[in-house]
């Protein structure tokens, strides 16, 4: 498994995205949090096709903090079932990946 990951989530408004971003960054669960939007999303929900305006969040992190990152998103996300998907970063510039390590070095697992 790759050490570095990019996590995707979406929110229904910019304010929720900013709230989650600040929490993840302050807890040192993310080195970078990018917000893109608004965008149009269409999806199945409770037996019907829904359409919504959403904000896409791209989160740079590491696999060793994923479990806490997911938990933190769920605790602070208004959706009943938020999208939380992580993909491995297979390649990246060495200096950028070292920067991710540097920014997450102060992460402390909360009990």
PDB file of N, CA and C in Angstrom:
ATOM      1  N   UNK A   1       0.846  -1.188   0.000  1.00  0.00           N
ATOM      2  CA  UNK A   1       0.000   0.000   0.000  1.00  0.00           C
ATOM      3  C   UNK A   1       0.885   1.243   0.000  1.00  0.00           C
ATOM      4  N   UNK A   2       0.438   2.267  -0.699  1.00  0.00           N
ATOM      5  CA  UNK A   2       1.153   3.526  -0.754  1.00  0.00           C
ATOM      6  C   UNK A   2       1.094   4.226   0.597  1.00  0.00           C
ATOM      7  N   UNK A   3       2.155   4.886   0.942  1.00  0.00           N
ATOM      8  CA  UNK A   3       2.206   5.639   2.187  1.00  0.00           C
ATOM      9  C   UNK A   3       1.361   6.915   2.092  1.00  0.00           C
ATOM     10  N   UNK A   4       1.314   7.509   0.906  1.00  0.00           N
ATOM     11  CA  UNK A   4       0.615   8.776   0.719  1.00  0.00           C
ATOM     12  C   UNK A   4      -0.725   8.540   0.040  1.00  0.00           C
ATOM     13  N   UNK A   5      -1.725   9.329   0.446  1.00  0.00           N
ATOM     14  CA  UNK A   5      -3.071   9.169  -0.106  1.00  0.00           C
ATOM     15  C   UNK A   5      -3.679  10.531  -0.431  1.00  0.00           C
ATOM     16  N   UNK A   6      -4.648  10.492  -1.339  1.00  0.00           N
ATOM     17  CA  UNK A   6      -5.516  11.643  -1.566  1.00  0.00           C
ATOM     18  C   UNK A   6      -6.928  11.190  -1.227  1.00  0.00           C
ATOM     19  N   UNK A   7      -7.576  11.919  -0.361  1.00  0.00           N
ATOM     20  CA  UNK A   7      -8.922  11.585   0.091  1.00  0.00           C
ATOM     21  C   UNK A   7      -9.891  12.576  -0.547  1.00  0.00           C
ATOM     22  N   UNK A   8     -11.029  12.053  -0.996  1.00  0.00           N
ATOM     23  CA  UNK A   8     -12.087  12.857  -1.596  1.00  0.00           C
ATOM     24  C   UNK A   8     -13.296  12.848  -0.671  1.00  0.00           C
ATOM     25  N   UNK A   9     -13.912  13.998  -0.521  1.00  0.00           N
ATOM     26  CA  UNK A   9     -15.221  14.095   0.101  1.00  0.00           C
ATOM     27  C   UNK A   9     -15.949  15.256  -0.580  1.00  0.00           C
ATOM     28  N   UNK A  10     -17.242  15.319  -0.410  1.00  0.00           N
ATOM     29  CA  UNK A  10     -18.029  16.430  -0.937  1.00  0.00           C
ATOM     30  C   UNK A  10     -18.891  16.981   0.179  1.00  0.00           C
ATOM     31  N   UNK A  11     -19.224  18.269   0.056  1.00  0.00           N
ATOM     32  CA  UNK A  11     -20.120  18.904   1.017  1.00  0.00           C
ATOM     33  C   UNK A  11     -21.187  19.676   0.245  1.00  0.00           C
ATOM     34  N   UNK A  12     -22.251  19.994   0.922  1.00  0.00           N
ATOM     35  CA  UNK A  12     -23.347  20.715   0.290  1.00  0.00           C
ATOM     36  C   UNK A  12     -23.141  22.213   0.214  1.00  0.00           C
ATOM     37  N   UNK A  13     -22.143  22.721   0.934  1.00  0.00           N
ATOM     38  CA  UNK A  13     -21.852  24.154   0.871  1.00  0.00           C
ATOM     39  C   UNK A  13     -20.391  24.417   1.228  1.00  0.00           C
ATOM     40  N   UNK A  14     -19.940  25.587   0.871  1.00  0.00           N
ATOM     41  CA  UNK A  14     -18.540  25.975   1.079  1.00  0.00           C
ATOM     42  C   UNK A  14     -18.187  26.043   2.565  1.00  0.00           C
ATOM     43  N   UNK A  15     -19.106  26.507   3.376  1.00  0.00           N
ATOM     44  CA  UNK A  15     -18.853  26.656   4.806  1.00  0.00           C
ATOM     45  C   UNK A  15     -18.547  25.312   5.471  1.00  0.00           C
ATOM     46  N   UNK A  16     -19.303  24.257   5.122  1.00  0.00           N
ATOM     47  CA  UNK A  16     -19.026  22.928   5.686  1.00  0.00           C
ATOM     48  C   UNK A  16     -17.653  22.430   5.238  1.00  0.00           C
ATOM     49  N   UNK A  17     -17.299  22.697   3.985  1.00  0.00           N
ATOM     50  CA  UNK A  17     -15.980  22.297   3.484  1.00  0.00           C
ATOM     51  C   UNK A  17     -14.876  23.007   4.260  1.00  0.00           C
ATOM     52  N   UNK A  18     -15.034  24.305   4.474  1.00  0.00           N
ATOM     53  CA  UNK A  18     -14.036  25.069   5.225  1.00  0.00           C
ATOM     54  C   UNK A  18     -13.923  24.593   6.672  1.00  0.00           C
ATOM     55  N   UNK A  19     -15.058  24.270   7.275  1.00  0.00           N
ATOM     56  CA  UNK A  19     -15.055  23.776   8.664  1.00  0.00           C
ATOM     57  C   UNK A  19     -14.264  22.479   8.761  1.00  0.00           C
ATOM     58  N   UNK A  20     -14.551  21.535   7.880  1.00  0.00           N
ATOM     59  CA  UNK A  20     -13.844  20.249   7.890  1.00  0.00           C
ATOM     60  C   UNK A  20     -12.369  20.459   7.594  1.00  0.00           C
ATOM     61  N   UNK A  21     -12.052  21.341   6.649  1.00  0.00           N
ATOM     62  CA  UNK A  21     -10.654  21.630   6.310  1.00  0.00           C
ATOM     63  C   UNK A  21      -9.879  22.103   7.531  1.00  0.00           C
ATOM     64  N   UNK A  22     -10.436  23.070   8.221  1.00  0.00           N
ATOM     65  CA  UNK A  22      -9.727  23.630   9.380  1.00  0.00           C
ATOM     66  C   UNK A  22      -9.513  22.587  10.477  1.00  0.00           C
ATOM     67  N   UNK A  23     -10.507  21.757  10.718  1.00  0.00           N
ATOM     68  CA  UNK A  23     -10.381  20.726  11.753  1.00  0.00           C
ATOM     69  C   UNK A  23      -9.291  19.721  11.372  1.00  0.00           C
ATOM     70  N   UNK A  24      -9.316  19.233  10.133  1.00  0.00           N
ATOM     71  CA  UNK A  24      -8.310  18.246   9.700  1.00  0.00           C
ATOM     72  C   UNK A  24      -6.906  18.840   9.726  1.00  0.00           C
ATOM     73  N   UNK A  25      -6.769  20.083   9.288  1.00  0.00           N
ATOM     74  CA  UNK A  25      -5.454  20.724   9.294  1.00  0.00           C
ATOM     75  C   UNK A  25      -4.966  20.967  10.723  1.00  0.00           C
ATOM     76  N   UNK A  26      -5.842  21.446  11.594  1.00  0.00           N
ATOM     77  CA  UNK A  26      -5.441  21.696  12.981  1.00  0.00           C
ATOM     78  C   UNK A  26      -5.051  20.415  13.707  1.00  0.00           C
ATOM     79  N   UNK A  27      -5.711  19.305  13.392  1.00  0.00           N
ATOM     80  CA  UNK A  27      -5.388  18.024  14.019  1.00  0.00           C
ATOM     81  C   UNK A  27      -4.191  17.340  13.358  1.00  0.00           C
ATOM     82  N   UNK A  28      -3.632  17.964  12.318  1.00  0.00           N
ATOM     83  CA  UNK A  28      -2.486  17.413  11.562  1.00  0.00           C
ATOM     84  C   UNK A  28      -2.821  16.083  10.899  1.00  0.00           C
ATOM     85  N   UNK A  29      -4.093  15.958  10.452  1.00  0.00           N
ATOM     86  CA  UNK A  29      -4.521  14.784   9.700  1.00  0.00           C
ATOM     87  C   UNK A  29      -4.405  15.016   8.197  1.00  0.00           C
ATOM     88  N   UNK A  30      -4.204  16.262   7.807  1.00  0.00           N
ATOM     89  CA  UNK A  30      -4.066  16.633   6.399  1.00  0.00           C
ATOM     90  C   UNK A  30      -2.946  17.658   6.279  1.00  0.00           C
ATOM     91  N   UNK A  31      -2.192  17.543   5.190  1.00  0.00           N
ATOM     92  CA  UNK A  31      -1.169  18.543   4.899  1.00  0.00           C
ATOM     93  C   UNK A  31      -1.744  19.641   4.013  1.00  0.00           C
ATOM     94  N   UNK A  32      -2.744  19.282   3.206  1.00  0.00           N
ATOM     95  CA  UNK A  32      -3.347  20.215   2.257  1.00  0.00           C
ATOM     96  C   UNK A  32      -4.805  19.824   2.059  1.00  0.00           C
ATOM     97  N   UNK A  33      -5.663  20.814   1.960  1.00  0.00           N
ATOM     98  CA  UNK A  33      -7.095  20.595   1.765  1.00  0.00           C
ATOM     99  C   UNK A  33      -7.541  21.584   0.703  1.00  0.00           C
ATOM    100  N   UNK A  34      -7.926  21.080  -0.461  1.00  0.00           N
ATOM    101  CA  UNK A  34      -8.365  21.944  -1.556  1.00  0.00           C
ATOM    102  C   UNK A  34      -9.875  21.822  -1.724  1.00  0.00           C
ATOM    103  N   UNK A  35     -10.510  22.958  -2.013  1.00  0.00           N
ATOM    104  CA  UNK A  35     -11.963  23.010  -2.167  1.00  0.00           C
ATOM    105  C   UNK A  35     -12.274  23.505  -3.578  1.00  0.00           C
ATOM    106  N   UNK A  36     -13.043  22.716  -4.309  1.00  0.00           N
ATOM    107  CA  UNK A  36     -13.412  23.035  -5.683  1.00  0.00           C
ATOM    108  C   UNK A  36     -14.931  23.091  -5.767  1.00  0.00           C
ATOM    109  N   UNK A  37     -15.449  24.145  -6.368  1.00  0.00           N
ATOM    110  CA  UNK A  37     -16.889  24.179  -6.530  1.00  0.00           C
ATOM    111  C   UNK A  37     -17.406  25.574  -6.730  1.00  0.00           C
ATOM    112  N   UNK A  38     -18.686  25.665  -6.849  1.00  0.00           N
ATOM    113  CA  UNK A  38     -19.628  24.543  -6.762  1.00  0.00           C
ATOM    114  C   UNK A  38     -19.631  23.713  -8.044  1.00  0.00           C
ATOM    115  N   UNK A  39     -20.113  22.491  -7.905  1.00  0.00           N
ATOM    116  CA  UNK A  39     -20.268  21.577  -9.029  1.00  0.00           C
ATOM    117  C   UNK A  39     -21.634  20.912  -8.915  1.00  0.00           C
ATOM    118  N   UNK A  40     -22.083  20.310  -9.991  1.00  0.00           N
ATOM    119  CA  UNK A  40     -23.375  19.616 -10.013  1.00  0.00           C
ATOM    120  C   UNK A  40     -23.131  18.133  -9.783  1.00  0.00           C
ATOM    121  N   UNK A  41     -23.840  17.542  -8.837  1.00  0.00           N
ATOM    122  CA  UNK A  41     -23.764  16.112  -8.560  1.00  0.00           C
ATOM    123  C   UNK A  41     -25.130  15.477  -8.783  1.00  0.00           C
ATOM    124  N   UNK A  42     -25.127  14.326  -9.417  1.00  0.00           N
ATOM    125  CA  UNK A  42     -26.332  13.505  -9.576  1.00  0.00           C
ATOM    126  C   UNK A  42     -25.995  12.132  -9.007  1.00  0.00           C
ATOM    127  N   UNK A  43     -26.911  11.564  -8.225  1.00  0.00           N
ATOM    128  CA  UNK A  43     -26.609  10.321  -7.533  1.00  0.00           C
ATOM    129  C   UNK A  43     -27.903   9.639  -7.087  1.00  0.00           C
ATOM    130  N   UNK A  44     -27.784   8.335  -6.830  1.00  0.00           N
ATOM    131  CA  UNK A  44     -28.906   7.585  -6.268  1.00  0.00           C
ATOM    132  C   UNK A  44     -28.943   7.827  -4.764  1.00  0.00           C
ATOM    133  N   UNK A  45     -30.137   8.090  -4.226  1.00  0.00           N
ATOM    134  CA  UNK A  45     -30.307   8.227  -2.779  1.00  0.00           C
ATOM    135  C   UNK A  45     -31.720   7.797  -2.422  1.00  0.00           C
ATOM    136  N   UNK A  46     -31.802   6.756  -1.597  1.00  0.00           N
ATOM    137  CA  UNK A  46     -33.067   6.233  -1.094  1.00  0.00           C
ATOM    138  C   UNK A  46     -34.063   5.945  -2.223  1.00  0.00           C
ATOM    139  N   UNK A  47     -33.566   5.265  -3.272  1.00  0.00           N
ATOM    140  CA  UNK A  47     -34.420   4.779  -4.339  1.00  0.00           C
ATOM    141  C   UNK A  47     -34.733   5.748  -5.462  1.00  0.00           C
ATOM    142  N   UNK A  48     -34.142   6.943  -5.433  1.00  0.00           N
ATOM    143  CA  UNK A  48     -34.396   7.885  -6.520  1.00  0.00           C
ATOM    144  C   UNK A  48     -33.137   8.664  -6.888  1.00  0.00           C
ATOM    145  N   UNK A  49     -33.149   9.205  -8.067  1.00  0.00           N
ATOM    146  CA  UNK A  49     -32.014  10.000  -8.519  1.00  0.00           C
ATOM    147  C   UNK A  49     -32.164  11.412  -7.983  1.00  0.00           C
ATOM    148  N   UNK A  50     -31.139  11.875  -7.307  1.00  0.00           N
ATOM    149  CA  UNK A  50     -31.108  13.218  -6.731  1.00  0.00           C
ATOM    150  C   UNK A  50     -30.124  14.085  -7.518  1.00  0.00           C
ATOM    151  N   UNK A  51     -30.309  15.377  -7.417  1.00  0.00           N
ATOM    152  CA  UNK A  51     -29.418  16.342  -8.051  1.00  0.00           C
ATOM    153  C   UNK A  51     -29.116  17.417  -7.021  1.00  0.00           C
ATOM    154  N   UNK A  52     -27.830  17.772  -6.880  1.00  0.00           N
ATOM    155  CA  UNK A  52     -27.453  18.758  -5.867  1.00  0.00           C
ATOM    156  C   UNK A  52     -26.224  19.545  -6.306  1.00  0.00           C
ATOM    157  N   UNK A  53     -26.090  20.718  -5.728  1.00  0.00           N
ATOM    158  CA  UNK A  53     -24.865  21.493  -5.870  1.00  0.00           C
ATOM    159  C   UNK A  53     -23.956  21.077  -4.725  1.00  0.00           C
ATOM    160  N   UNK A  54     -22.710  20.753  -5.043  1.00  0.00           N
ATOM    161  CA  UNK A  54     -21.775  20.314  -4.011  1.00  0.00           C
ATOM    162  C   UNK A  54     -20.410  20.957  -4.226  1.00  0.00           C
ATOM    163  N   UNK A  55     -19.588  20.827  -3.199  1.00  0.00           N
ATOM    164  CA  UNK A  55     -18.209  21.299  -3.202  1.00  0.00           C
ATOM    165  C   UNK A  55     -17.313  20.074  -3.033  1.00  0.00           C
ATOM    166  N   UNK A  56     -16.352  19.912  -3.927  1.00  0.00           N
ATOM    167  CA  UNK A  56     -15.421  18.782  -3.898  1.00  0.00           C
ATOM    168  C   UNK A  56     -14.212  19.143  -3.056  1.00  0.00           C
ATOM    169  N   UNK A  57     -13.853  18.262  -2.142  1.00  0.00           N
ATOM    170  CA  UNK A  57     -12.709  18.468  -1.262  1.00  0.00           C
ATOM    171  C   UNK A  57     -11.649  17.425  -1.571  1.00  0.00           C
ATOM    172  N   UNK A  58     -10.423  17.891  -1.822  1.00  0.00           N
ATOM    173  CA  UNK A  58      -9.282  17.022  -2.095  1.00  0.00           C
ATOM    174  C   UNK A  58      -8.305  17.178  -0.941  1.00  0.00           C
ATOM    175  N   UNK A  59      -7.994  16.067  -0.288  1.00  0.00           N
ATOM    176  CA  UNK A  59      -7.220  16.102   0.942  1.00  0.00           C
ATOM    177  C   UNK A  59      -5.939  15.288   0.758  1.00  0.00           C
ATOM    178  N   UNK A  60      -4.773  15.905   0.970  1.00  0.00           N
ATOM    179  CA  UNK A  60      -3.489  15.210   0.886  1.00  0.00           C
ATOM    180  C   UNK A  60      -3.108  14.748   2.281  1.00  0.00           C
ATOM    181  N   UNK A  61      -2.814  13.440   2.403  1.00  0.00           N
ATOM    182  CA  UNK A  61      -2.520  12.881   3.718  1.00  0.00           C
ATOM    183  C   UNK A  61      -1.671  11.618   3.560  1.00  0.00           C
ATOM    184  N   UNK A  62      -1.659  10.804   4.625  1.00  0.00           N
ATOM    185  CA  UNK A  62      -0.937   9.522   4.619  1.00  0.00           C
ATOM    186  C   UNK A  62      -1.861   8.418   5.108  1.00  0.00           C
ATOM    187  N   UNK A  63      -1.553   7.207   4.675  1.00  0.00           N
ATOM    188  CA  UNK A  63      -2.408   6.077   5.045  1.00  0.00           C
ATOM    189  C   UNK A  63      -2.395   5.770   6.543  1.00  0.00           C
ATOM    190  N   UNK A  64      -1.328   6.122   7.253  1.00  0.00           N
ATOM    191  CA  UNK A  64      -1.274   5.813   8.684  1.00  0.00           C
ATOM    192  C   UNK A  64      -2.206   6.683   9.519  1.00  0.00           C
ATOM    193  N   UNK A  65      -2.743   7.761   8.958  1.00  0.00           N
ATOM    194  CA  UNK A  65      -3.695   8.595   9.698  1.00  0.00           C
ATOM    195  C   UNK A  65      -5.107   8.492   9.129  1.00  0.00           C
ATOM    196  N   UNK A  66      -5.289   7.625   8.115  1.00  0.00           N
ATOM    197  CA  UNK A  66      -6.583   7.553   7.434  1.00  0.00           C
ATOM    198  C   UNK A  66      -7.741   7.263   8.390  1.00  0.00           C
ATOM    199  N   UNK A  67      -7.589   6.301   9.273  1.00  0.00           N
ATOM    200  CA  UNK A  67      -8.695   5.914  10.160  1.00  0.00           C
ATOM    201  C   UNK A  67      -9.196   7.107  10.980  1.00  0.00           C
ATOM    202  N   UNK A  68      -8.279   7.867  11.546  1.00  0.00           N
ATOM    203  CA  UNK A  68      -8.665   9.048  12.333  1.00  0.00           C
ATOM    204  C   UNK A  68      -9.211  10.156  11.435  1.00  0.00           C
ATOM    205  N   UNK A  69      -8.658  10.289  10.241  1.00  0.00           N
ATOM    206  CA  UNK A  69      -9.142  11.276   9.277  1.00  0.00           C
ATOM    207  C   UNK A  69     -10.596  10.978   8.907  1.00  0.00           C
ATOM    208  N   UNK A  70     -10.899   9.726   8.587  1.00  0.00           N
ATOM    209  CA  UNK A  70     -12.269   9.331   8.255  1.00  0.00           C
ATOM    210  C   UNK A  70     -13.209   9.590   9.431  1.00  0.00           C
ATOM    211  N   UNK A  71     -12.795   9.202  10.610  1.00  0.00           N
ATOM    212  CA  UNK A  71     -13.615   9.400  11.809  1.00  0.00           C
ATOM    213  C   UNK A  71     -13.906  10.890  12.020  1.00  0.00           C
ATOM    214  N   UNK A  72     -12.913  11.724  11.840  1.00  0.00           N
ATOM    215  CA  UNK A  72     -13.067  13.159  12.040  1.00  0.00           C
ATOM    216  C   UNK A  72     -14.009  13.766  10.997  1.00  0.00           C
ATOM    217  N   UNK A  73     -13.881  13.333   9.745  1.00  0.00           N
ATOM    218  CA  UNK A  73     -14.810  13.817   8.720  1.00  0.00           C
ATOM    219  C   UNK A  73     -16.237  13.437   9.098  1.00  0.00           C
ATOM    220  N   UNK A  74     -16.458  12.181   9.455  1.00  0.00           N
ATOM    221  CA  UNK A  74     -17.811  11.728   9.811  1.00  0.00           C
ATOM    222  C   UNK A  74     -18.388  12.507  10.986  1.00  0.00           C
ATOM    223  N   UNK A  75     -17.558  12.806  11.977  1.00  0.00           N
ATOM    224  CA  UNK A  75     -18.027  13.539  13.161  1.00  0.00           C
ATOM    225  C   UNK A  75     -18.414  14.983  12.844  1.00  0.00           C
ATOM    226  N   UNK A  76     -17.884  15.522  11.757  1.00  0.00           N
ATOM    227  CA  UNK A  76     -18.088  16.937  11.454  1.00  0.00           C
ATOM    228  C   UNK A  76     -18.827  17.193  10.148  1.00  0.00           C
ATOM    229  N   UNK A  77     -19.305  16.133   9.527  1.00  0.00           N
ATOM    230  CA  UNK A  77     -19.969  16.241   8.230  1.00  0.00           C
ATOM    231  C   UNK A  77     -21.480  16.163   8.416  1.00  0.00           C
ATOM    232  N   UNK A  78     -22.252  17.034   7.763  1.00  0.00           N
ATOM    233  CA  UNK A  78     -23.702  17.008   7.947  1.00  0.00           C
ATOM    234  C   UNK A  78     -24.422  15.876   7.206  1.00  0.00           C
ATOM    235  N   UNK A  79     -23.773  15.247   6.213  1.00  0.00           N
ATOM    236  CA  UNK A  79     -24.445  14.192   5.449  1.00  0.00           C
ATOM    237  C   UNK A  79     -24.612  12.929   6.281  1.00  0.00           C
ATOM    238  N   UNK A  80     -25.699  12.218   6.041  1.00  0.00           N
ATOM    239  CA  UNK A  80     -25.941  10.930   6.702  1.00  0.00           C
ATOM    240  C   UNK A  80     -24.855   9.920   6.323  1.00  0.00           C
ATOM    241  N   UNK A  81     -24.510   9.869   5.046  1.00  0.00           N
ATOM    242  CA  UNK A  81     -23.435   8.998   4.566  1.00  0.00           C
ATOM    243  C   UNK A  81     -22.528   9.829   3.649  1.00  0.00           C
ATOM    244  N   UNK A  82     -21.510  10.485   4.211  1.00  0.00           N
ATOM    245  CA  UNK A  82     -20.641  11.293   3.363  1.00  0.00           C
ATOM    246  C   UNK A  82     -19.733  10.435   2.485  1.00  0.00           C
ATOM    247  N   UNK A  83     -19.460  10.959   1.302  1.00  0.00           N
ATOM    248  CA  UNK A  83     -18.451  10.328   0.451  1.00  0.00           C
ATOM    249  C   UNK A  83     -17.101  10.511   1.122  1.00  0.00           C
ATOM    250  N   UNK A  84     -16.403   9.416   1.377  1.00  0.00           N
ATOM    251  CA  UNK A  84     -15.032   9.461   1.880  1.00  0.00           C
ATOM    252  C   UNK A  84     -14.291   8.348   1.148  1.00  0.00           C
ATOM    253  N   UNK A  85     -13.484   8.743   0.180  1.00  0.00           N
ATOM    254  CA  UNK A  85     -12.766   7.790  -0.659  1.00  0.00           C
ATOM    255  C   UNK A  85     -11.296   8.168  -0.665  1.00  0.00           C
ATOM    256  N   UNK A  86     -10.430   7.200  -0.430  1.00  0.00           N
ATOM    257  CA  UNK A  86      -8.981   7.444  -0.466  1.00  0.00           C
ATOM    258  C   UNK A  86      -8.362   6.650  -1.599  1.00  0.00           C
ATOM    259  N   UNK A  87      -7.475   7.303  -2.321  1.00  0.00           N
ATOM    260  CA  UNK A  87      -6.715   6.613  -3.357  1.00  0.00           C
ATOM    261  C   UNK A  87      -5.230   6.801  -3.068  1.00  0.00           C
ATOM    262  N   UNK A  88      -4.422   5.810  -3.410  1.00  0.00           N
ATOM    263  CA  UNK A  88      -2.978   5.941  -3.163  1.00  0.00           C
ATOM    264  C   UNK A  88      -2.348   6.936  -4.128  1.00  0.00           C
ATOM    265  N   UNK A  89      -1.382   7.651  -3.624  1.00  0.00           N
ATOM    266  CA  UNK A  89      -0.534   8.479  -4.482  1.00  0.00           C
ATOM    267  C   UNK A  89       0.639   7.589  -4.868  1.00  0.00           C
ATOM    268  N   UNK A  90       0.644   7.143  -6.088  1.00  0.00           N
ATOM    269  CA  UNK A  90       1.653   6.181  -6.552  1.00  0.00           C
ATOM    270  C   UNK A  90       2.993   6.870  -6.791  1.00  0.00           C
ATOM    271  N   UNK A  91       2.951   8.034  -7.397  1.00  0.00           N
ATOM    272  CA  UNK A  91       4.158   8.804  -7.659  1.00  0.00           C
ATOM    273  C   UNK A  91       3.923  10.248  -7.266  1.00  0.00           C
ATOM    274  N   UNK A  92       4.984  10.934  -6.896  1.00  0.00           N
ATOM    275  CA  UNK A  92       4.915  12.355  -6.582  1.00  0.00           C
ATOM    276  C   UNK A  92       6.317  12.891  -6.425  1.00  0.00           C
ATOM    277  N   UNK A  93       6.447  14.187  -6.544  1.00  0.00           N
ATOM    278  CA  UNK A  93       7.795  14.753  -6.384  1.00  0.00           C
ATOM    279  C   UNK A  93       8.267  14.493  -4.961  1.00  0.00           C
ATOM    280  N   UNK A  94       9.506  14.150  -4.839  1.00  0.00           N
ATOM    281  CA  UNK A  94      10.079  13.813  -3.526  1.00  0.00           C
ATOM    282  C   UNK A  94       9.900  14.975  -2.549  1.00  0.00           C
ATOM    283  N   UNK A  95      10.142  16.191  -3.014  1.00  0.00           N
ATOM    284  CA  UNK A  95      10.044  17.339  -2.104  1.00  0.00           C
ATOM    285  C   UNK A  95       8.604  17.548  -1.624  1.00  0.00           C
ATOM    286  N   UNK A  96       7.613  17.302  -2.494  1.00  0.00           N
ATOM    287  CA  UNK A  96       6.206  17.448  -2.089  1.00  0.00           C
ATOM    288  C   UNK A  96       5.828  16.377  -1.067  1.00  0.00           C
ATOM    289  N   UNK A  97       6.242  15.144  -1.299  1.00  0.00           N
ATOM    290  CA  UNK A  97       5.925  14.060  -0.367  1.00  0.00           C
ATOM    291  C   UNK A  97       6.633  14.269   0.973  1.00  0.00           C
ATOM    292  N   UNK A  98       7.851  14.768   0.940  1.00  0.00           N
ATOM    293  CA  UNK A  98       8.558  15.090   2.191  1.00  0.00           C
ATOM    294  C   UNK A  98       7.832  16.205   2.944  1.00  0.00           C
ATOM    295  N   UNK A  99       7.260  17.159   2.186  1.00  0.00           N
ATOM    296  CA  UNK A  99       6.498  18.231   2.810  1.00  0.00           C
ATOM    297  C   UNK A  99       5.266  17.664   3.529  1.00  0.00           C
ATOM    298  N   UNK A 100       4.580  16.697   2.910  1.00  0.00           N
ATOM    299  CA  UNK A 100       3.439  16.049   3.573  1.00  0.00           C
ATOM    300  C   UNK A 100       3.895  15.441   4.895  1.00  0.00           C
ATOM    301  N   UNK A 101       5.012  14.703   4.869  1.00  0.00           N
ATOM    302  CA  UNK A 101       5.536  14.108   6.105  1.00  0.00           C
ATOM    303  C   UNK A 101       5.821  15.170   7.162  1.00  0.00           C
ATOM    304  N   UNK A 102       6.434  16.258   6.725  1.00  0.00           N
ATOM    305  CA  UNK A 102       6.794  17.329   7.657  1.00  0.00           C
ATOM    306  C   UNK A 102       5.547  17.924   8.319  1.00  0.00           C
ATOM    307  N   UNK A 103       4.481  18.129   7.545  1.00  0.00           N
ATOM    308  CA  UNK A 103       3.270  18.739   8.087  1.00  0.00           C
ATOM    309  C   UNK A 103       2.473  17.789   8.981  1.00  0.00           C
ATOM    310  N   UNK A 104       2.615  16.502   8.781  1.00  0.00           N
ATOM    311  CA  UNK A 104       1.872  15.530   9.600  1.00  0.00           C
ATOM    312  C   UNK A 104       2.694  15.001  10.764  1.00  0.00           C
ATOM    313  N   UNK A 105       3.931  15.443  10.915  1.00  0.00           N
ATOM    314  CA  UNK A 105       4.817  14.907  11.956  1.00  0.00           C
ATOM    315  C   UNK A 105       4.308  15.153  13.364  1.00  0.00           C
ATOM    316  N   UNK A 106       3.527  16.202  13.542  1.00  0.00           N
ATOM    317  CA  UNK A 106       3.025  16.525  14.881  1.00  0.00           C
ATOM    318  C   UNK A 106       1.689  15.848  15.205  1.00  0.00           C
ATOM    319  N   UNK A 107       1.223  14.951  14.307  1.00  0.00           N
ATOM    320  CA  UNK A 107      -0.037  14.248  14.552  1.00  0.00           C
ATOM    321  C   UNK A 107       0.114  13.365  15.793  1.00  0.00           C
ATOM    322  N   UNK A 108      -0.852  13.466  16.687  1.00  0.00           N
ATOM    323  CA  UNK A 108      -0.869  12.645  17.896  1.00  0.00           C
ATOM    324  C   UNK A 108      -2.199  11.910  17.925  1.00  0.00           C
ATOM    325  N   UNK A 109      -2.162  10.603  18.061  1.00  0.00           N
ATOM    326  CA  UNK A 109      -3.385   9.807  18.120  1.00  0.00           C
ATOM    327  C   UNK A 109      -4.127  10.138  19.413  1.00  0.00           C
ATOM    328  N   UNK A 110      -5.378  10.562  19.284  1.00  0.00           N
ATOM    329  CA  UNK A 110      -6.187  10.889  20.455  1.00  0.00           C
ATOM    330  C   UNK A 110      -6.807   9.625  21.015  1.00  0.00           C
ATOM    331  N   UNK A 111      -6.870   9.549  22.304  1.00  0.00           N
ATOM    332  CA  UNK A 111      -7.425   8.366  22.974  1.00  0.00           C
ATOM    333  C   UNK A 111      -8.883   8.549  23.240  1.00  0.00           C
TER     334      UNK A 111
END
